[in-house]
Protein backbone atom coordinates (compact mmCIF):
# COMPACT_ATOMS: atom_id res chain seq x y z
CA MET A 1 72.92 103.06 104.94
CA PRO A 2 70.55 101.63 107.60
CA ILE A 3 68.15 104.64 107.64
CA TYR A 4 65.36 105.67 105.27
CA HIS A 5 65.82 108.82 103.19
CA LYS A 6 63.98 110.47 100.25
CA LEU A 7 64.31 113.37 97.84
CA GLY A 8 62.21 114.81 95.17
CA SER A 9 58.99 113.40 93.79
CA PHE A 10 57.93 109.85 93.25
CA PRO A 11 54.67 107.77 93.05
CA GLN A 12 52.96 106.54 96.23
CA LYS A 13 53.14 102.92 95.08
CA ARG A 14 56.28 101.22 93.79
CA HIS A 15 56.47 99.96 90.21
CA THR A 16 53.46 101.98 89.06
CA ILE A 17 53.01 104.61 86.30
CA PHE A 18 54.74 107.99 87.08
CA LYS A 19 54.44 110.95 84.69
CA SER A 20 55.58 114.47 84.49
CA ALA A 21 53.30 117.41 84.40
CA GLU A 22 53.77 117.32 80.61
CA ASP A 23 52.40 113.73 80.62
CA LYS A 24 55.83 112.16 79.98
CA HIS A 25 56.85 108.91 81.53
CA ARG A 26 59.39 108.81 84.34
CA TYR A 27 61.71 105.75 84.28
CA GLU A 28 62.15 103.78 87.41
CA GLN A 29 65.42 102.15 88.39
CA LEU A 30 66.25 99.91 91.32
CA PHE A 31 69.63 100.89 92.82
CA GLY A 32 70.05 97.77 94.88
CA THR A 33 72.63 95.43 96.47
CA GLU A 34 72.95 91.76 97.00
CA GLY A 35 70.67 90.87 94.15
CA PHE A 36 67.33 92.04 95.39
CA SER A 37 67.78 91.31 99.03
CA GLY A 38 70.23 94.04 100.21
CA MET A 39 70.07 97.78 100.81
CA SER A 40 68.25 99.50 97.84
CA SER A 41 66.67 102.77 96.65
CA LEU A 42 64.18 103.28 93.90
CA LEU A 43 65.10 106.20 91.52
CA TYR A 44 62.92 107.92 88.91
CA HIS A 45 64.68 109.35 85.82
CA VAL A 46 63.63 111.79 83.20
CA HIS A 47 65.29 109.54 80.55
CA ARG A 48 66.09 105.87 80.40
CA PRO A 49 69.25 105.27 82.37
CA THR A 50 70.30 102.60 80.04
CA GLN A 51 71.26 104.54 76.88
CA VAL A 52 74.94 103.68 76.01
CA LYS A 53 75.93 105.42 72.75
CA GLU A 54 79.60 104.48 72.57
CA ILE A 55 82.54 102.91 74.50
CA LEU A 56 85.52 105.15 73.79
CA LYS A 57 88.47 103.28 75.25
CA SER A 58 89.45 101.02 78.24
CA TYR A 59 92.73 101.08 80.18
CA SER A 60 94.23 99.47 83.20
CA ILE A 61 94.71 101.42 86.52
CA ALA A 62 95.51 98.23 88.58
CA PRO A 63 97.93 98.81 91.40
CA LYS A 64 101.55 97.95 90.69
CA ILE A 65 102.73 95.59 93.41
CA ALA A 66 106.21 95.98 94.76
CA ILE A 67 106.07 93.55 97.77
CA GLU A 68 103.57 90.70 97.52
CA LYS A 69 104.13 89.24 100.89
CA ASN A 70 105.35 91.74 103.47
CA ILE A 71 106.56 91.41 107.09
CA LYS A 72 108.13 94.78 107.37
CA ALA A 73 106.57 97.73 109.27
CA LEU A 74 106.46 100.83 107.10
CA LEU A 75 106.15 104.60 107.54
CA LEU A 76 104.83 106.29 104.48
CA LYS A 77 105.18 110.12 104.17
CA GLY A 78 101.75 110.78 102.70
CA PHE A 79 102.06 114.46 101.94
CA GLU A 80 104.95 113.55 99.65
CA VAL A 81 102.42 112.16 97.14
CA ALA A 82 102.56 114.71 94.34
CA PRO A 83 99.44 116.66 93.56
CA ALA A 84 97.73 116.16 90.18
CA ASP A 85 95.04 118.21 88.35
CA ASP A 86 92.65 115.36 87.62
CA PHE A 87 90.88 113.58 90.39
CA LEU A 88 91.34 110.05 89.11
CA ASP A 89 94.91 110.63 88.13
CA SER A 90 95.71 112.00 91.54
CA ARG A 91 94.60 108.68 93.29
CA LYS A 92 97.75 106.58 94.16
CA TYR A 93 97.30 103.09 95.68
CA MET A 94 99.53 102.39 98.69
CA LEU A 95 98.40 99.16 100.45
CA VAL A 96 96.03 96.65 98.85
CA ASN A 97 94.64 93.10 99.03
CA ASN A 98 91.68 91.30 97.47
CA ASP A 99 89.33 93.01 99.87
CA VAL A 100 90.33 96.62 99.98
CA LEU A 101 92.43 99.18 98.11
CA LEU A 102 93.86 101.97 100.29
CA GLY A 103 95.34 105.02 98.79
CA LEU A 104 96.20 108.72 98.83
CA ALA A 105 95.17 111.56 96.51
CA ALA A 106 96.02 115.29 96.18
CA PRO A 107 93.70 116.50 93.40
CA ARG A 108 93.90 120.09 92.38
CA GLN A 109 90.85 120.46 90.23
CA SER A 110 87.20 119.58 90.27
CA MET A 111 85.71 116.90 87.98
CA LYS A 112 84.12 118.88 85.15
CA ASN A 113 84.45 116.99 81.81
CA TYR A 114 83.29 113.52 83.00
CA PHE A 115 81.39 111.58 85.62
CA TYR A 116 82.69 108.64 87.62
CA LYS A 117 81.32 105.30 88.83
CA ASN A 118 83.03 102.52 90.69
CA ALA A 119 81.15 99.44 89.61
CA ASP A 120 83.06 97.02 91.85
CA ALA A 121 83.59 98.72 95.32
CA ASP A 122 82.11 101.02 97.88
CA GLU A 123 84.32 103.98 98.29
CA MET A 124 85.24 106.01 101.42
CA LEU A 125 87.01 109.31 101.02
CA PHE A 126 88.42 110.94 104.11
CA ILE A 127 88.96 114.61 103.68
CA HIS A 128 92.18 115.66 105.30
CA LYS A 129 92.63 119.04 103.53
CA GLY A 130 90.09 120.85 101.41
CA SER A 131 86.36 121.37 101.20
CA GLY A 132 83.66 121.27 98.38
CA THR A 133 80.68 119.26 97.24
CA LEU A 134 80.08 115.64 96.40
CA ARG A 135 77.60 115.80 93.50
CA THR A 136 75.67 112.50 92.79
CA PHE A 137 72.63 111.46 90.85
CA MET A 138 70.87 111.06 94.30
CA GLY A 139 71.72 114.53 95.57
CA ASN A 140 74.70 116.60 96.74
CA ILE A 141 76.62 116.67 100.05
CA LYS A 142 78.83 119.51 101.21
CA PHE A 143 82.17 118.28 102.71
CA GLU A 144 85.06 119.70 104.65
CA TYR A 145 88.15 118.88 106.69
CA GLY A 146 87.52 115.67 108.76
CA ASP A 147 84.57 114.38 106.80
CA TYR A 148 84.17 110.72 105.76
CA LEU A 149 82.29 110.36 102.53
CA VAL A 150 80.81 106.88 102.02
CA ILE A 151 79.82 106.31 98.25
CA PRO A 152 78.12 103.02 97.49
CA ARG A 153 79.29 101.00 94.48
CA GLY A 154 77.46 101.98 91.24
CA MET A 155 76.97 105.53 92.38
CA ILE A 156 77.54 108.14 89.55
CA TYR A 157 79.31 111.11 90.94
CA GLN A 158 81.38 114.19 90.51
CA ILE A 159 83.49 116.13 93.06
CA GLU A 160 83.80 119.93 93.15
CA PHE A 161 86.61 121.33 95.24
CA ASP A 162 86.44 124.90 96.61
CA GLU A 163 90.25 125.36 96.21
CA ALA A 164 93.32 123.57 94.74
CA ASP A 165 94.92 122.41 97.94
CA ASN A 166 93.25 119.00 98.75
CA ARG A 167 94.48 115.88 100.53
CA LEU A 168 92.39 112.74 100.71
CA LEU A 169 92.76 109.27 102.13
CA PHE A 170 90.60 106.85 100.15
CA LEU A 171 89.36 103.18 100.46
CA GLU A 172 87.75 100.97 97.85
CA SER A 173 85.99 98.16 99.52
CA PHE A 174 84.75 95.07 97.74
CA SER A 175 82.28 94.35 100.63
CA PRO A 176 79.67 96.87 101.77
CA ILE A 177 80.74 99.54 104.28
CA TYR A 178 78.35 99.79 107.28
CA SER A 179 78.17 101.18 110.75
CA PRO A 180 79.19 98.47 113.41
CA LYS A 181 76.43 95.98 114.32
CA ARG A 182 77.06 96.28 117.97
CA TYR A 183 76.04 99.95 117.92
CA LYS A 184 72.60 99.07 116.57
CA ASN A 185 69.42 97.37 117.69
CA SER A 186 67.81 94.53 115.71
CA HIS A 187 65.93 97.13 113.54
CA GLY A 188 69.11 99.04 112.64
CA GLN A 189 68.61 102.15 114.88
CA LEU A 190 71.86 103.42 116.60
CA LEU A 191 71.86 102.75 120.31
CA GLU A 192 72.41 105.09 123.19
CA HIS A 193 75.90 103.83 123.82
CA SER A 194 76.96 104.35 120.17
CA PRO A 195 79.61 106.96 119.71
CA TYR A 196 77.46 108.72 117.12
CA CYS A 197 73.90 108.89 116.13
CA GLU A 198 71.80 109.47 112.96
CA ARG A 199 71.70 113.13 113.65
CA ASP A 200 75.45 113.27 112.82
CA PHE A 201 75.19 111.92 109.32
CA LYS A 202 75.40 114.38 106.33
CA LEU A 203 72.51 113.19 103.98
CA PRO A 204 72.10 113.97 100.25
CA ALA A 205 70.23 117.27 99.46
CA ASP A 206 69.72 119.65 96.51
CA LEU A 207 68.72 117.04 94.03
CA GLU A 208 69.76 117.87 90.49
CA SER A 209 67.31 116.91 87.82
CA ASN A 210 68.73 117.69 84.43
CA ASP A 211 66.59 117.12 81.31
CA GLU A 212 69.39 117.09 78.74
CA LYS A 213 70.42 114.91 75.85
CA GLY A 214 73.85 114.68 74.34
CA ASP A 215 77.22 113.08 74.86
CA PHE A 216 78.05 112.45 78.46
CA ILE A 217 81.28 110.59 79.44
CA ILE A 218 81.11 108.32 82.48
CA LYS A 219 84.38 106.78 83.49
CA ILE A 220 83.54 103.35 84.98
CA LYS A 221 86.02 101.46 87.06
CA LYS A 222 85.54 97.68 86.83
CA GLU A 223 88.04 94.90 87.52
CA GLY A 224 91.10 97.37 87.72
CA MET A 225 90.09 98.94 84.35
CA ILE A 226 88.66 102.21 83.51
CA HIS A 227 86.09 102.19 80.70
CA GLU A 228 85.06 105.54 79.09
CA VAL A 229 81.36 105.15 78.27
CA VAL A 230 79.30 107.74 76.35
CA TYR A 231 75.68 108.05 77.63
CA ALA A 232 72.93 109.80 75.68
CA SER A 233 71.36 111.67 78.52
CA HIS A 234 72.68 113.69 81.53
CA PRO A 235 73.43 111.13 84.36
CA PHE A 236 71.93 113.49 86.91
CA ASP A 237 68.34 113.40 85.69
CA VAL A 238 66.67 111.81 88.81
CA VAL A 239 63.65 113.64 89.79
CA GLY A 240 63.02 111.63 92.98
CA TRP A 241 64.01 108.62 94.95
CA ASP A 242 63.52 106.87 98.30
CA GLY A 243 65.26 104.00 100.07
CA TYR A 244 68.22 103.00 102.10
CA ASN A 245 71.09 102.84 99.59
CA PHE A 246 72.65 106.33 98.99
CA PRO A 247 75.91 108.24 99.73
CA TYR A 248 76.38 110.04 103.09
CA GLY A 249 78.94 111.89 105.06
CA PHE A 250 80.10 111.73 108.64
CA SER A 251 82.59 114.11 110.35
CA ILE A 252 85.31 112.53 112.41
CA HIS A 253 84.77 115.55 114.73
CA ASN A 254 81.32 114.21 115.60
CA PHE A 255 82.72 110.88 116.90
CA GLU A 256 82.30 110.73 120.67
CA PRO A 257 85.20 108.73 122.19
CA ILE A 258 84.43 105.92 124.71
CA THR A 259 86.88 106.17 127.65
CA GLY A 260 87.51 104.21 130.91
CA ARG A 261 89.54 104.01 134.09
CA VAL A 262 92.19 101.89 132.37
CA HIS A 263 93.23 101.81 128.79
CA GLN A 264 90.49 100.81 126.30
CA PRO A 265 91.17 98.52 123.30
CA PRO A 266 90.97 99.91 119.75
CA PRO A 267 87.48 98.46 119.00
CA VAL A 268 85.97 101.36 121.16
CA HIS A 269 87.13 103.65 118.34
CA GLN A 270 85.44 101.65 115.59
CA THR A 271 83.50 103.80 113.17
CA PHE A 272 82.78 101.52 110.22
CA GLU A 273 82.88 97.88 109.40
CA THR A 274 82.91 95.51 106.52
CA ASN A 275 83.16 91.66 106.40
CA THR A 276 86.94 92.10 105.76
CA PHE A 277 88.23 95.10 107.56
CA VAL A 278 87.33 97.88 110.14
CA VAL A 279 87.76 101.58 110.30
CA CYS A 280 88.38 103.37 113.54
CA SER A 281 88.65 107.08 114.51
CA PHE A 282 91.09 108.14 117.15
CA CYS A 283 89.81 111.54 118.41
CA PRO A 284 90.65 114.04 121.12
CA ARG A 285 89.62 112.63 124.49
CA LEU A 286 90.22 112.31 128.15
CA TYR A 287 92.87 109.76 129.04
CA ASP A 288 92.27 106.86 131.39
CA TYR A 289 91.56 107.96 134.99
CA HIS A 290 92.63 105.08 137.23
CA PRO A 291 95.26 106.67 139.47
CA GLN A 292 97.83 104.01 138.29
CA SER A 293 96.79 103.91 134.68
CA ILE A 294 99.18 103.93 131.73
CA PRO A 295 97.43 105.97 128.89
CA ALA A 296 99.80 104.60 126.20
CA PRO A 297 98.48 101.48 124.47
CA TYR A 298 99.95 98.16 125.68
CA ASN A 299 102.15 96.14 123.28
CA HIS A 300 99.97 93.69 121.25
CA SER A 301 100.41 91.03 118.63
CA ASN A 302 99.13 91.34 115.15
CA ILE A 303 97.86 87.79 115.07
CA ASP A 304 94.84 88.19 112.86
CA SER A 305 95.26 91.51 110.97
CA ASP A 306 97.42 94.19 109.43
CA GLU A 307 97.09 97.55 111.06
CA VAL A 308 97.17 100.77 109.10
CA LEU A 309 97.20 104.17 110.85
CA TYR A 310 96.73 107.44 108.98
CA TYR A 311 97.78 110.45 111.06
CA VAL A 312 95.64 113.43 110.65
CA ASP A 313 96.42 115.93 113.33
CA GLY A 314 97.57 116.55 116.88
CA ASP A 315 100.34 114.74 118.75
CA PHE A 316 99.96 110.91 118.43
CA MET A 317 101.35 109.98 121.90
CA SER A 318 102.36 106.44 121.18
CA ARG A 319 104.72 107.22 118.33
CA ASN A 320 107.87 109.37 117.87
CA ASN A 321 108.40 111.84 114.99
CA ILE A 322 105.04 111.42 113.50
CA LYS A 323 103.66 114.21 111.16
CA GLN A 324 100.44 115.00 109.36
CA GLY A 325 99.67 112.65 106.46
CA HIS A 326 102.04 109.90 107.71
CA ILE A 327 100.95 106.26 107.33
CA THR A 328 102.20 103.49 109.44
CA LEU A 329 101.79 99.82 108.50
CA HIS A 330 102.07 97.22 111.37
CA PRO A 331 101.93 93.84 109.54
CA LYS A 332 100.51 90.59 110.80
CA GLY A 333 103.26 88.43 112.46
CA ILE A 334 105.17 90.97 114.50
CA PRO A 335 103.96 92.50 117.82
CA HIS A 336 104.05 96.27 118.04
CA GLY A 337 103.39 98.85 120.59
CA PRO A 338 104.40 102.32 121.87
CA ALA A 339 107.70 103.75 120.63
CA PRO A 340 110.56 103.79 123.18
CA GLY A 341 109.83 106.40 125.76
CA ALA A 342 106.16 106.82 124.74
CA MET A 343 104.75 104.67 127.60
CA GLU A 344 106.80 106.64 130.19
CA ARG A 345 105.87 110.02 128.77
CA SER A 346 102.17 109.10 128.80
CA ILE A 347 101.97 108.41 132.53
CA GLY A 348 100.26 111.25 134.37
CA GLN A 349 98.85 112.83 131.20
CA THR A 350 95.07 113.49 131.28
CA VAL A 351 94.06 114.37 127.71
CA THR A 352 95.18 113.89 124.09
CA GLN A 353 94.43 115.99 120.96
CA GLU A 354 95.35 113.19 118.59
CA LEU A 355 93.37 112.73 115.42
CA ALA A 356 93.90 109.60 113.24
CA VAL A 357 92.18 107.06 111.11
CA MET A 358 92.95 103.37 111.57
CA VAL A 359 92.19 100.56 109.09
CA ASP A 360 92.57 96.93 110.33
CA THR A 361 92.37 94.34 107.55
CA PHE A 362 91.78 90.67 108.28
CA ARG A 363 94.02 89.67 105.32
CA PRO A 364 97.53 90.76 104.78
CA LEU A 365 98.26 93.87 102.73
CA LYS A 366 100.47 94.04 99.64
CA VAL A 367 102.72 97.12 99.19
CA THR A 368 102.57 99.06 95.97
CA GLU A 369 105.37 100.77 93.97
CA ASP A 370 103.88 104.16 94.81
CA ALA A 371 104.04 103.30 98.51
CA LEU A 372 107.78 102.46 98.38
CA LYS A 373 108.45 105.90 96.80
CA ILE A 374 107.43 107.68 100.08
CA ASP A 375 108.56 104.99 102.62
CA ASP A 376 111.13 106.32 105.14
CA GLY A 377 113.08 103.04 105.03
CA LYS A 378 113.86 102.72 108.71
CA TYR A 379 110.55 102.62 110.67
CA TYR A 380 110.64 98.90 111.17
CA GLN A 381 113.71 99.53 113.45
CA SER A 382 112.15 102.34 115.50
CA TRP A 383 111.43 100.09 118.55
CA VAL A 384 115.14 99.24 119.07
CA GLU A 385 116.36 101.16 122.27
């Protein structure tokens, strides 16, 4: 996160003695990336954050691949993913490669008996249905429908849901998730032409500082495995921190679309980027206002990337028979564009209420067994007149 934030109490000088009112030492931890040269924060714990008492068990949750090398366009009926009580059990991988894992989840219950950490990947959760609180050792973030939650790798967290009806799109990225470089100046501040600004971010607040010893289970994801590790002190015992590496939220409803006289290409919708894929937000907006404009997107070739679209709400004008929670995959190697009739329907239209999340990956995606369970089986033929 390229802005500075702080919570709680910490010493004026880094790496110096810091004690409680009871004259007990606080324990410093660097929460940093790219060795010691990337984004980082300095945390101060009540207890040493290194106290592993036991490793209970380890088991694989690696995606089961059904199609290794895919050329077929797919339509996945996302709301057909069955709900599950447990947050981790509910997560089903759909489309994956060595850079990113994309999946869906419908958890019914909050995380209560364990904490979770992804040691390999930054996570992005998009909240399609539901609300609640993301609890972390760096503070809490309230979330609701339409929120992106960006959770850096190594972050210990829990999620509390307000109700049982929840639907999430999630990404696990093996490279850091940032806001696009072209939206920022050389110092990292978002520029005037950016479709959002720092005021739109939901930053951690309500820092929990638990002084508690015992047996605390942290489920750590690493290399496709879950390791259940018992720590000797409460993971949320941070009394203060400052820096640039922390979780945050951003509402898709705060994305301000960039429009023009003629149709604008998908990069104007870009919301996040990594070295290996981008995330875009298609939001309600005015259509192109040239008197001869065609609002529907032009046909385009997938030469360099696979395109994934997750449909959130509204009427997505370039497709036919699309519903909430649907996912389309347009793979590298075959051009795609508006469904038959969509271009003609769009002419003369002045506004759209569509809401969707797009993920373009620079390397091909593999299709999982769970994805094929909700595939409509015929989408690839939907352009035939």
